Structures are given as C-alpha cells and as structure tokens.
Protein backbone atom coordinates (compact mmCIF):
# COMPACT_ATOMS: atom_id res chain seq x y z
CA MET A 1 -56.57 85.44 -11.13
CA ALA A 2 -55.66 84.64 -7.58
CA GLU A 3 -54.46 88.04 -6.82
CA THR A 4 -57.52 89.97 -8.00
CA LEU A 5 -59.81 88.14 -5.52
CA LYS A 6 -59.16 88.41 -1.76
CA LYS A 7 -59.64 85.51 0.85
CA GLY A 8 -63.33 85.03 1.72
CA SER A 9 -64.49 87.57 -0.64
CA ARG A 10 -67.64 86.84 -2.46
CA VAL A 11 -67.84 86.17 -6.09
CA THR A 12 -70.81 87.66 -8.69
CA GLY A 13 -71.94 88.80 -12.13
CA ALA A 14 -69.27 88.82 -14.27
CA ALA A 15 -66.09 88.26 -12.46
CA ARG A 16 -67.76 85.01 -11.35
CA GLU A 17 -68.54 83.59 -14.24
CA LYS A 18 -65.01 84.84 -15.51
CA LEU A 19 -63.83 82.63 -12.60
CA ALA A 20 -65.67 79.73 -13.25
CA ALA A 21 -65.26 79.97 -17.00
CA ASP A 22 -61.17 79.55 -15.78
CA LEU A 23 -61.45 76.59 -13.53
CA LYS A 24 -63.88 75.01 -16.08
CA LYS A 25 -60.71 75.30 -18.50
CA LYS A 26 -57.84 74.54 -16.33
CA TYR A 27 -59.69 71.83 -14.71
CA ASP A 28 -61.15 69.73 -18.21
CA SER A 29 -57.02 69.94 -19.12
CA GLY A 30 -56.33 68.03 -16.44
CA ALA A 31 -55.69 70.31 -12.81
CA SER A 32 -57.20 69.04 -9.58
CA ILE A 33 -59.91 70.52 -7.87
CA ARG A 34 -57.13 70.39 -4.97
CA ALA A 35 -54.48 72.18 -7.06
CA LEU A 36 -56.88 74.97 -8.26
CA ALA A 37 -58.29 75.59 -4.96
CA GLU A 38 -54.79 76.20 -4.18
CA GLU A 39 -54.28 78.36 -6.82
CA THR A 40 -57.03 80.97 -6.54
CA GLY A 41 -56.72 80.54 -2.64
CA ARG A 42 -60.30 79.43 -2.31
CA SER A 43 -61.45 76.26 -0.54
CA TYR A 44 -62.01 73.25 -2.15
CA GLY A 45 -65.49 73.42 -1.56
CA PHE A 46 -65.93 76.57 -3.36
CA VAL A 47 -63.58 75.40 -6.48
CA HIS A 48 -66.11 72.01 -6.35
CA ARG A 49 -69.39 74.29 -6.61
CA MET A 50 -68.36 76.43 -8.89
CA LEU A 51 -67.39 73.57 -11.29
CA SER A 52 -70.99 71.74 -10.99
CA GLU A 53 -72.51 75.34 -11.30
CA SER A 54 -70.59 75.97 -14.66
CA GLY A 55 -71.94 72.18 -15.98
CA VAL A 56 -68.36 70.39 -15.26
CA SER A 57 -68.40 66.32 -15.30
CA LEU A 58 -66.39 65.79 -12.75
CA ARG A 59 -63.74 62.97 -12.53
CA GLY A 60 -63.75 59.69 -10.04
CA ARG A 61 -61.71 60.22 -7.44
CA GLY A 62 -59.26 57.28 -8.82
CA GLY A 63 -56.97 54.93 -7.17
CA ALA A 64 -57.41 51.02 -6.26
CA THR A 65 -60.99 49.79 -7.71
CA ARG A 66 -62.64 47.06 -6.00
CA GLY A 67 -65.05 44.59 -7.31
CA LYS A 68 -64.82 41.50 -9.16
CA LYS A 69 -61.67 40.80 -11.56
CA ALA A 70 -62.24 40.59 -14.81
CA THR A 71 -61.56 37.37 -16.24
CA SER A 72 -59.16 36.74 -19.15
CA ALA A 73 -60.96 34.39 -22.00
C-alpha cells in the first residue's frame, strides 16, 4: 500500500476507497492511527480523516482515567 502512494500526493476515486477500506480493516484489528500513518507515509490527520470518512467509530485515548472511584459493596 505505501509503495503506491507518494508522500503528499492526492488520493481520489477508487484508490481512495481502497485505501480507506485497508485502513479501516487494520484499525478495526487493533492498529493505532499513528502506526497506520507511519506505515502509509501519511500524516496522523490524513489517516484520522480517512477513518472518519469510512464510518469507523474511533477508540478513546486510553490511559489513566479520572473521576469517581467505583465503590465496592
């Protein structure tokens, strides 16, 4: 996938749909947006936009969460 895209080149039509489908499949199988961006040679924002356009529900950032602690009964 990354070999066919030149950095900064415009991706349109069928190539864009194929790229979006590939990114969606990899993201759904657990790859991060940053990993996908590095793999494709594209920016984080480009990958994020492609995933959003293809209807993916993006995962949360993770890490420590703040808020009230769950009380055990």
